[in-house]
């Protein structure tokens, strides 16, 4: 699924709302992460066969980390982070815009939007996520992700 940035106007020239722009940004990020993970999962399998499990995994993850940085730079808020985004290279992928449906979006301020999603159609069916998105340098950028865990009594931090 290839997503193009919609710009700031609809086809009828009415402006997109901040929520529409933040949703578009989130879906673009999910598509980019999905493409990155699928590509690097294939590479991991190829490198494990070519170089052996230990060396293949090490080489594949090194390249994957390098290729993830432009995605981070493009979509994340600019700030120091305690943790880098997850480096999962699984099958099925962690991010898949076809299986993560937006269920709610709330604009908390002129610079903060929270978007809730629910996972459908795969092994994480029913998982709920909240993405916190900030307006920074006049564009919407992902800042954090939370997962709803009933056992923990609500939302808890999850890696982006």
C-alpha atoms as a PDB file:
ATOM      1  CA  UNK A   1       0.000   0.000   0.000  1.00  0.00           C
ATOM      2  CA  UNK A   2       1.641   3.222  -1.127  1.00  0.00           C
ATOM      3  CA  UNK A   3       0.519   6.372   0.686  1.00  0.00           C
ATOM      4  CA  UNK A   4       1.113   9.830  -0.647  1.00  0.00           C
ATOM      5  CA  UNK A   5       1.036  12.858   1.625  1.00  0.00           C
ATOM      6  CA  UNK A   6      -2.271  14.561   0.974  1.00  0.00           C
ATOM      7  CA  UNK A   7      -0.985  18.091   1.420  1.00  0.00           C
ATOM      8  CA  UNK A   8      -3.074  20.509   3.438  1.00  0.00           C
ATOM      9  CA  UNK A   9      -6.192  20.543   1.251  1.00  0.00           C
ATOM     10  CA  UNK A  10      -8.845  18.053   0.171  1.00  0.00           C
ATOM     11  CA  UNK A  11      -9.698  17.481  -3.476  1.00  0.00           C
ATOM     12  CA  UNK A  12     -12.424  20.137  -3.164  1.00  0.00           C
ATOM     13  CA  UNK A  13      -9.829  22.668  -1.858  1.00  0.00           C
ATOM     14  CA  UNK A  14     -11.192  22.697   1.713  1.00  0.00           C
ATOM     15  CA  UNK A  15      -8.391  22.570   4.283  1.00  0.00           C
ATOM     16  CA  UNK A  16      -7.607  19.321   6.062  1.00  0.00           C
ATOM     17  CA  UNK A  17      -8.060  19.421   9.812  1.00  0.00           C
ATOM     18  CA  UNK A  18      -5.137  18.896  12.152  1.00  0.00           C
ATOM     19  CA  UNK A  19      -6.630  15.505  13.024  1.00  0.00           C
ATOM     20  CA  UNK A  20      -6.766  14.532   9.327  1.00  0.00           C
ATOM     21  CA  UNK A  21      -3.132  15.572   8.898  1.00  0.00           C
ATOM     22  CA  UNK A  22      -2.036  13.654  12.021  1.00  0.00           C
ATOM     23  CA  UNK A  23      -3.938  10.531  10.906  1.00  0.00           C
ATOM     24  CA  UNK A  24      -2.311  10.733   7.478  1.00  0.00           C
ATOM     25  CA  UNK A  25       1.095  11.082   9.100  1.00  0.00           C
ATOM     26  CA  UNK A  26       0.478   8.049  11.318  1.00  0.00           C
ATOM     27  CA  UNK A  27      -0.629   5.923   8.353  1.00  0.00           C
ATOM     28  CA  UNK A  28       2.441   7.031   6.378  1.00  0.00           C
ATOM     29  CA  UNK A  29       4.655   5.995   9.285  1.00  0.00           C
ATOM     30  CA  UNK A  30       2.951   2.598   9.563  1.00  0.00           C
ATOM     31  CA  UNK A  31       3.409   2.014   5.830  1.00  0.00           C
ATOM     32  CA  UNK A  32       7.101   3.005   5.985  1.00  0.00           C
ATOM     33  CA  UNK A  33       7.753   0.783   9.016  1.00  0.00           C
ATOM     34  CA  UNK A  34       5.889  -2.107   7.392  1.00  0.00           C
ATOM     35  CA  UNK A  35       7.958  -1.818   4.211  1.00  0.00           C
ATOM     36  CA  UNK A  36      11.177  -1.583   6.270  1.00  0.00           C
ATOM     37  CA  UNK A  37      10.297  -4.614   8.411  1.00  0.00           C
ATOM     38  CA  UNK A  38       9.178  -6.849   5.522  1.00  0.00           C
ATOM     39  CA  UNK A  39      12.359  -6.022   3.567  1.00  0.00           C
ATOM     40  CA  UNK A  40      14.622  -6.595   6.549  1.00  0.00           C
ATOM     41  CA  UNK A  41      12.871  -9.792   7.645  1.00  0.00           C
ATOM     42  CA  UNK A  42      13.620 -11.250   4.189  1.00  0.00           C
ATOM     43  CA  UNK A  43      17.220 -10.057   4.458  1.00  0.00           C
ATOM     44  CA  UNK A  44      17.545 -11.630   7.927  1.00  0.00           C
ATOM     45  CA  UNK A  45      16.461 -15.017   6.591  1.00  0.00           C
ATOM     46  CA  UNK A  46      18.823 -14.708   3.603  1.00  0.00           C
ATOM     47  CA  UNK A  47      21.789 -13.622   5.745  1.00  0.00           C
ATOM     48  CA  UNK A  48      21.194 -16.395   8.288  1.00  0.00           C
ATOM     49  CA  UNK A  49      21.475 -18.929   5.441  1.00  0.00           C
ATOM     50  CA  UNK A  50      24.458 -17.191   3.839  1.00  0.00           C
ATOM     51  CA  UNK A  51      26.548 -16.296   6.933  1.00  0.00           C
ATOM     52  CA  UNK A  52      25.168 -18.578   9.648  1.00  0.00           C
ATOM     53  CA  UNK A  53      22.692 -17.683  12.375  1.00  0.00           C
ATOM     54  CA  UNK A  54      24.936 -15.536  14.600  1.00  0.00           C
ATOM     55  CA  UNK A  55      26.885 -13.606  11.953  1.00  0.00           C
ATOM     56  CA  UNK A  56      23.895 -13.369   9.609  1.00  0.00           C
ATOM     57  CA  UNK A  57      21.667 -11.923  12.315  1.00  0.00           C
ATOM     58  CA  UNK A  58      24.348  -9.444  13.364  1.00  0.00           C
ATOM     59  CA  UNK A  59      24.910  -8.221   9.780  1.00  0.00           C
ATOM     60  CA  UNK A  60      21.190  -8.060   8.980  1.00  0.00           C
ATOM     61  CA  UNK A  61      20.367  -6.073  12.124  1.00  0.00           C
ATOM     62  CA  UNK A  62      23.234  -3.656  11.506  1.00  0.00           C
ATOM     63  CA  UNK A  63      21.863  -2.824   8.052  1.00  0.00           C
ATOM     64  CA  UNK A  64      18.293  -2.697   9.385  1.00  0.00           C
ATOM     65  CA  UNK A  65      19.271  -0.133  12.043  1.00  0.00           C
ATOM     66  CA  UNK A  66      20.948   2.036   9.398  1.00  0.00           C
ATOM     67  CA  UNK A  67      17.845   1.904   7.208  1.00  0.00           C
ATOM     68  CA  UNK A  68      15.534   2.682  10.129  1.00  0.00           C
ATOM     69  CA  UNK A  69      17.256   5.985  10.970  1.00  0.00           C
ATOM     70  CA  UNK A  70      15.794   7.961   8.027  1.00  0.00           C
ATOM     71  CA  UNK A  71      12.309   6.791   9.081  1.00  0.00           C
ATOM     72  CA  UNK A  72      12.963   7.994  12.628  1.00  0.00           C
ATOM     73  CA  UNK A  73      14.289  11.319  11.333  1.00  0.00           C
ATOM     74  CA  UNK A  74      11.301  11.770   9.055  1.00  0.00           C
ATOM     75  CA  UNK A  75       8.454  10.825  11.391  1.00  0.00           C
ATOM     76  CA  UNK A  76       9.506  11.261  15.045  1.00  0.00           C
ATOM     77  CA  UNK A  77       9.642  14.352  17.213  1.00  0.00           C
ATOM     78  CA  UNK A  78      13.129  15.695  17.557  1.00  0.00           C
ATOM     79  CA  UNK A  79      14.181  14.962  21.124  1.00  0.00           C
ATOM     80  CA  UNK A  80      16.499  12.734  23.104  1.00  0.00           C
ATOM     81  CA  UNK A  81      14.975   9.289  23.546  1.00  0.00           C
ATOM     82  CA  UNK A  82      15.764   6.771  26.239  1.00  0.00           C
ATOM     83  CA  UNK A  83      14.871   3.972  23.857  1.00  0.00           C
ATOM     84  CA  UNK A  84      15.130   3.637  20.115  1.00  0.00           C
ATOM     85  CA  UNK A  85      12.147   2.249  18.241  1.00  0.00           C
ATOM     86  CA  UNK A  86      11.672  -1.493  18.329  1.00  0.00           C
ATOM     87  CA  UNK A  87      13.875  -3.398  15.936  1.00  0.00           C
ATOM     88  CA  UNK A  88      11.479  -6.306  15.461  1.00  0.00           C
ATOM     89  CA  UNK A  89      11.883  -8.085  12.173  1.00  0.00           C
ATOM     90  CA  UNK A  90       9.046 -10.531  12.547  1.00  0.00           C
ATOM     91  CA  UNK A  91       6.504 -12.164  10.367  1.00  0.00           C
ATOM     92  CA  UNK A  92       3.853 -10.850  10.499  1.00  0.00           C
ATOM     93  CA  UNK A  93       5.309  -7.354  10.848  1.00  0.00           C
ATOM     94  CA  UNK A  94       4.746  -5.198  13.929  1.00  0.00           C
ATOM     95  CA  UNK A  95       3.279  -2.374  11.837  1.00  0.00           C
ATOM     96  CA  UNK A  96       0.678  -3.003   9.171  1.00  0.00           C
ATOM     97  CA  UNK A  97      -1.765  -0.244   8.212  1.00  0.00           C
ATOM     98  CA  UNK A  98      -4.083  -2.919   6.795  1.00  0.00           C
ATOM     99  CA  UNK A  99      -4.443  -4.453  10.272  1.00  0.00           C
ATOM    100  CA  UNK A 100      -4.450  -1.377  12.499  1.00  0.00           C
ATOM    101  CA  UNK A 101      -7.684   0.590  12.345  1.00  0.00           C
ATOM    102  CA  UNK A 102      -8.028   4.106  13.740  1.00  0.00           C
ATOM    103  CA  UNK A 103     -10.875   4.131  16.257  1.00  0.00           C
ATOM    104  CA  UNK A 104     -10.575   7.599  17.789  1.00  0.00           C
ATOM    105  CA  UNK A 105      -8.596  10.815  17.499  1.00  0.00           C
ATOM    106  CA  UNK A 106      -8.632  13.607  20.055  1.00  0.00           C
ATOM    107  CA  UNK A 107      -6.963  16.970  19.690  1.00  0.00           C
ATOM    108  CA  UNK A 108      -5.702  17.764  23.197  1.00  0.00           C
ATOM    109  CA  UNK A 109      -4.190  21.118  22.193  1.00  0.00           C
ATOM    110  CA  UNK A 110      -3.091  22.986  19.095  1.00  0.00           C
ATOM    111  CA  UNK A 111       0.127  20.935  19.148  1.00  0.00           C
ATOM    112  CA  UNK A 112      -0.969  17.538  20.555  1.00  0.00           C
ATOM    113  CA  UNK A 113      -3.224  14.841  19.115  1.00  0.00           C
ATOM    114  CA  UNK A 114      -3.840  11.368  20.507  1.00  0.00           C
ATOM    115  CA  UNK A 115      -4.904   8.696  18.023  1.00  0.00           C
ATOM    116  CA  UNK A 116      -6.253   5.362  19.214  1.00  0.00           C
ATOM    117  CA  UNK A 117      -6.132   2.243  17.080  1.00  0.00           C
ATOM    118  CA  UNK A 118      -7.182  -1.378  17.369  1.00  0.00           C
ATOM    119  CA  UNK A 119      -5.379  -4.261  15.733  1.00  0.00           C
ATOM    120  CA  UNK A 120      -7.422  -6.554  13.473  1.00  0.00           C
ATOM    121  CA  UNK A 121      -6.832  -9.560  11.260  1.00  0.00           C
ATOM    122  CA  UNK A 122      -3.666 -11.047  12.736  1.00  0.00           C
ATOM    123  CA  UNK A 123      -2.204 -12.555  15.906  1.00  0.00           C
ATOM    124  CA  UNK A 124      -2.472  -9.210  17.721  1.00  0.00           C
ATOM    125  CA  UNK A 125      -6.204  -8.952  17.046  1.00  0.00           C
ATOM    126  CA  UNK A 126      -7.858  -6.718  19.638  1.00  0.00           C
ATOM    127  CA  UNK A 127      -4.671  -5.009  20.859  1.00  0.00           C
ATOM    128  CA  UNK A 128      -5.323  -1.309  21.447  1.00  0.00           C
ATOM    129  CA  UNK A 129      -2.703   1.392  20.892  1.00  0.00           C
ATOM    130  CA  UNK A 130      -2.558   5.127  21.464  1.00  0.00           C
ATOM    131  CA  UNK A 131      -0.168   7.252  19.418  1.00  0.00           C
ATOM    132  CA  UNK A 132       0.792  10.648  20.804  1.00  0.00           C
ATOM    133  CA  UNK A 133       1.553  13.039  17.964  1.00  0.00           C
ATOM    134  CA  UNK A 134       2.925  16.569  18.345  1.00  0.00           C
ATOM    135  CA  UNK A 135       3.100  19.439  15.916  1.00  0.00           C
ATOM    136  CA  UNK A 136       6.763  20.360  15.629  1.00  0.00           C
ATOM    137  CA  UNK A 137       8.295  22.660  13.033  1.00  0.00           C
ATOM    138  CA  UNK A 138       4.860  22.997  11.411  1.00  0.00           C
ATOM    139  CA  UNK A 139       4.352  19.248  10.815  1.00  0.00           C
ATOM    140  CA  UNK A 140       2.838  16.397  12.814  1.00  0.00           C
ATOM    141  CA  UNK A 141       5.399  13.994  14.294  1.00  0.00           C
ATOM    142  CA  UNK A 142       5.042  10.846  16.362  1.00  0.00           C
ATOM    143  CA  UNK A 143       6.283  11.202  19.908  1.00  0.00           C
ATOM    144  CA  UNK A 144       5.222   8.040  21.716  1.00  0.00           C
ATOM    145  CA  UNK A 145       3.020   4.962  21.659  1.00  0.00           C
ATOM    146  CA  UNK A 146       1.060   3.321  24.437  1.00  0.00           C
ATOM    147  CA  UNK A 147      -0.674  -0.029  24.652  1.00  0.00           C
ATOM    148  CA  UNK A 148      -3.822  -0.720  26.643  1.00  0.00           C
ATOM    149  CA  UNK A 149      -3.252  -3.521  29.122  1.00  0.00           C
ATOM    150  CA  UNK A 150      -6.210  -4.435  31.282  1.00  0.00           C
ATOM    151  CA  UNK A 151      -3.841  -6.296  33.626  1.00  0.00           C
ATOM    152  CA  UNK A 152      -1.932  -3.036  34.254  1.00  0.00           C
ATOM    153  CA  UNK A 153      -5.125  -1.034  34.676  1.00  0.00           C
ATOM    154  CA  UNK A 154      -4.900   1.023  31.494  1.00  0.00           C
ATOM    155  CA  UNK A 155      -2.375   2.577  29.148  1.00  0.00           C
ATOM    156  CA  UNK A 156       1.315   1.785  29.470  1.00  0.00           C
ATOM    157  CA  UNK A 157       4.297   2.901  27.387  1.00  0.00           C
ATOM    158  CA  UNK A 158       5.190   0.797  24.361  1.00  0.00           C
ATOM    159  CA  UNK A 159       8.085   1.217  21.936  1.00  0.00           C
ATOM    160  CA  UNK A 160       7.323   3.002  18.681  1.00  0.00           C
END
